[in-house]
Amino acid sequence: MTDADLKALFAEDAPPVRDPKFSAAVMEEVIRRRFVTDMALLAMATTAGAFLIWAIWPTLAPLVAPLRDGLATLGACITVDAVAVALLERSVIPVRRRNHG
């Protein structure tokens, strides 16, 4: 057997050639589809929740009216806390760890 014969024989079992651009394009499309699916699911859940609240609001309104002032204050505090966490989270500098391997 010559070298050409051996190369032809081994070429049959060689892994396929990889194309990084094609792989990146396929993964981008997979991620895009997942994102669209997630957004559609969240939109449906939000719409269903809004419809549920709208449907039961006549029953809830008399129960919530006495709590309105306290809930407004609580909502304001939660909003301020959420904004503070969001702003402080961005300012944290991640620490890089050295690999001692």
C-alpha atoms as a PDB file:
ATOM      1  CA  MET A   1       0.000   0.000   0.000  1.00  0.00           C
ATOM      2  CA  THR A   2       1.218   3.429  -0.851  1.00  0.00           C
ATOM      3  CA  ASP A   3       0.837   6.617   1.124  1.00  0.00           C
ATOM      4  CA  ALA A   4      -1.932   7.760  -1.226  1.00  0.00           C
ATOM      5  CA  ASP A   5      -3.863   4.552  -0.562  1.00  0.00           C
ATOM      6  CA  LEU A   6      -3.474   4.969   3.185  1.00  0.00           C
ATOM      7  CA  LYS A   7      -4.553   8.623   3.047  1.00  0.00           C
ATOM      8  CA  ALA A   8      -7.633   7.673   1.025  1.00  0.00           C
ATOM      9  CA  LEU A   9      -8.425   4.872   3.474  1.00  0.00           C
ATOM     10  CA  PHE A  10      -8.048   7.107   6.536  1.00  0.00           C
ATOM     11  CA  ALA A  11      -9.921   9.972   4.861  1.00  0.00           C
ATOM     12  CA  GLU A  12     -13.094   7.888   4.993  1.00  0.00           C
ATOM     13  CA  ASP A  13     -12.943   7.858   8.814  1.00  0.00           C
ATOM     14  CA  ALA A  14     -11.789  11.468   9.230  1.00  0.00           C
ATOM     15  CA  PRO A  15     -14.120  13.827  11.095  1.00  0.00           C
ATOM     16  CA  PRO A  16     -15.978  16.347   8.968  1.00  0.00           C
ATOM     17  CA  VAL A  17     -14.379  19.712   8.362  1.00  0.00           C
ATOM     18  CA  ARG A  18     -15.631  22.330  10.808  1.00  0.00           C
ATOM     19  CA  ASP A  19     -16.778  25.741   9.670  1.00  0.00           C
ATOM     20  CA  PRO A  20     -16.777  28.243  12.560  1.00  0.00           C
ATOM     21  CA  LYS A  21     -18.886  30.796  10.661  1.00  0.00           C
ATOM     22  CA  PHE A  22     -21.560  28.213   9.903  1.00  0.00           C
ATOM     23  CA  SER A  23     -21.559  26.973  13.504  1.00  0.00           C
ATOM     24  CA  ALA A  24     -21.877  30.534  14.793  1.00  0.00           C
ATOM     25  CA  ALA A  25     -24.726  31.253  12.375  1.00  0.00           C
ATOM     26  CA  VAL A  26     -26.585  28.090  13.432  1.00  0.00           C
ATOM     27  CA  MET A  27     -26.137  28.846  17.139  1.00  0.00           C
ATOM     28  CA  GLU A  28     -27.283  32.436  16.576  1.00  0.00           C
ATOM     29  CA  GLU A  29     -30.454  31.168  14.912  1.00  0.00           C
ATOM     30  CA  VAL A  30     -31.066  28.685  17.747  1.00  0.00           C
ATOM     31  CA  ILE A  31     -30.671  31.449  20.331  1.00  0.00           C
ATOM     32  CA  ARG A  32     -32.913  33.783  18.328  1.00  0.00           C
ATOM     33  CA  ARG A  33     -35.664  31.150  18.153  1.00  0.00           C
ATOM     34  CA  ARG A  34     -35.411  30.486  21.890  1.00  0.00           C
ATOM     35  CA  PHE A  35     -35.613  34.210  22.578  1.00  0.00           C
ATOM     36  CA  VAL A  36     -38.710  34.620  20.401  1.00  0.00           C
ATOM     37  CA  THR A  37     -40.309  31.577  22.056  1.00  0.00           C
ATOM     38  CA  ASP A  38     -39.538  32.928  25.538  1.00  0.00           C
ATOM     39  CA  MET A  39     -40.917  36.369  24.661  1.00  0.00           C
ATOM     40  CA  ALA A  40     -44.099  34.839  23.241  1.00  0.00           C
ATOM     41  CA  LEU A  41     -44.547  32.743  26.388  1.00  0.00           C
ATOM     42  CA  LEU A  42     -43.998  35.761  28.637  1.00  0.00           C
ATOM     43  CA  ALA A  43     -46.428  37.847  26.573  1.00  0.00           C
ATOM     44  CA  MET A  44     -49.097  35.157  26.855  1.00  0.00           C
ATOM     45  CA  ALA A  45     -48.533  34.781  30.614  1.00  0.00           C
ATOM     46  CA  THR A  46     -48.726  38.548  31.099  1.00  0.00           C
ATOM     47  CA  THR A  47     -51.896  38.786  29.046  1.00  0.00           C
ATOM     48  CA  ALA A  48     -53.479  35.903  30.960  1.00  0.00           C
ATOM     49  CA  GLY A  49     -52.517  37.480  34.288  1.00  0.00           C
ATOM     50  CA  ALA A  50     -53.899  40.863  33.239  1.00  0.00           C
ATOM     51  CA  PHE A  51     -57.141  39.249  32.096  1.00  0.00           C
ATOM     52  CA  LEU A  52     -57.430  37.348  35.387  1.00  0.00           C
ATOM     53  CA  ILE A  53     -56.936  40.511  37.424  1.00  0.00           C
ATOM     54  CA  TRP A  54     -59.448  42.351  35.240  1.00  0.00           C
ATOM     55  CA  ALA A  55     -61.976  39.538  35.709  1.00  0.00           C
ATOM     56  CA  ILE A  56     -61.696  39.372  39.503  1.00  0.00           C
ATOM     57  CA  TRP A  57     -61.181  43.095  40.147  1.00  0.00           C
ATOM     58  CA  PRO A  58     -64.842  43.827  41.046  1.00  0.00           C
ATOM     59  CA  THR A  59     -64.497  41.285  43.845  1.00  0.00           C
ATOM     60  CA  LEU A  60     -61.058  42.495  44.980  1.00  0.00           C
ATOM     61  CA  ALA A  61     -61.714  46.255  44.856  1.00  0.00           C
ATOM     62  CA  PRO A  62     -63.682  46.456  48.145  1.00  0.00           C
ATOM     63  CA  LEU A  63     -61.026  44.348  49.905  1.00  0.00           C
ATOM     64  CA  VAL A  64     -58.078  46.376  48.612  1.00  0.00           C
ATOM     65  CA  ALA A  65     -59.562  49.859  49.218  1.00  0.00           C
ATOM     66  CA  PRO A  66     -58.757  49.988  52.969  1.00  0.00           C
ATOM     67  CA  LEU A  67     -55.177  48.848  52.283  1.00  0.00           C
ATOM     68  CA  ARG A  68     -54.569  51.371  49.507  1.00  0.00           C
ATOM     69  CA  ASP A  69     -52.470  53.867  51.516  1.00  0.00           C
ATOM     70  CA  GLY A  70     -50.280  51.224  53.109  1.00  0.00           C
ATOM     71  CA  LEU A  71     -49.767  49.417  49.820  1.00  0.00           C
ATOM     72  CA  ALA A  72     -48.757  52.651  48.091  1.00  0.00           C
ATOM     73  CA  THR A  73     -46.056  53.267  50.687  1.00  0.00           C
ATOM     74  CA  LEU A  74     -44.896  49.670  50.466  1.00  0.00           C
ATOM     75  CA  GLY A  75     -44.806  49.868  46.670  1.00  0.00           C
ATOM     76  CA  ALA A  76     -42.732  53.048  46.802  1.00  0.00           C
ATOM     77  CA  CYS A  77     -40.240  51.426  49.201  1.00  0.00           C
ATOM     78  CA  ILE A  78     -39.915  48.330  47.043  1.00  0.00           C
ATOM     79  CA  THR A  79     -39.378  50.490  43.954  1.00  0.00           C
ATOM     80  CA  VAL A  80     -36.625  52.512  45.656  1.00  0.00           C
ATOM     81  CA  ASP A  81     -34.970  49.289  46.820  1.00  0.00           C
ATOM     82  CA  ALA A  82     -35.130  47.747  43.339  1.00  0.00           C
ATOM     83  CA  VAL A  83     -33.579  50.843  41.753  1.00  0.00           C
ATOM     84  CA  ALA A  84     -30.816  50.902  44.371  1.00  0.00           C
ATOM     85  CA  VAL A  85     -30.006  47.233  43.792  1.00  0.00           C
ATOM     86  CA  ALA A  86     -29.978  47.717  40.014  1.00  0.00           C
ATOM     87  CA  LEU A  87     -27.633  50.709  40.260  1.00  0.00           C
ATOM     88  CA  LEU A  88     -25.303  49.116  42.792  1.00  0.00           C
ATOM     89  CA  GLU A  89     -25.133  45.845  40.890  1.00  0.00           C
ATOM     90  CA  ARG A  90     -23.641  47.600  37.860  1.00  0.00           C
ATOM     91  CA  SER A  91     -20.940  49.327  39.862  1.00  0.00           C
ATOM     92  CA  VAL A  92     -19.459  46.154  41.327  1.00  0.00           C
ATOM     93  CA  ILE A  93     -16.151  45.276  39.670  1.00  0.00           C
ATOM     94  CA  PRO A  94     -15.749  41.525  39.194  1.00  0.00           C
ATOM     95  CA  VAL A  95     -12.594  40.075  40.698  1.00  0.00           C
ATOM     96  CA  ARG A  96     -10.542  37.929  38.346  1.00  0.00           C
ATOM     97  CA  ARG A  97      -9.154  34.801  39.877  1.00  0.00           C
ATOM     98  CA  ARG A  98      -5.808  33.436  38.878  1.00  0.00           C
ATOM     99  CA  ASN A  99      -5.674  29.902  37.616  1.00  0.00           C
ATOM    100  CA  HIS A 100      -3.008  28.116  39.623  1.00  0.00           C
ATOM    101  CA  GLY A 101      -3.287  24.967  37.525  1.00  0.00           C
END
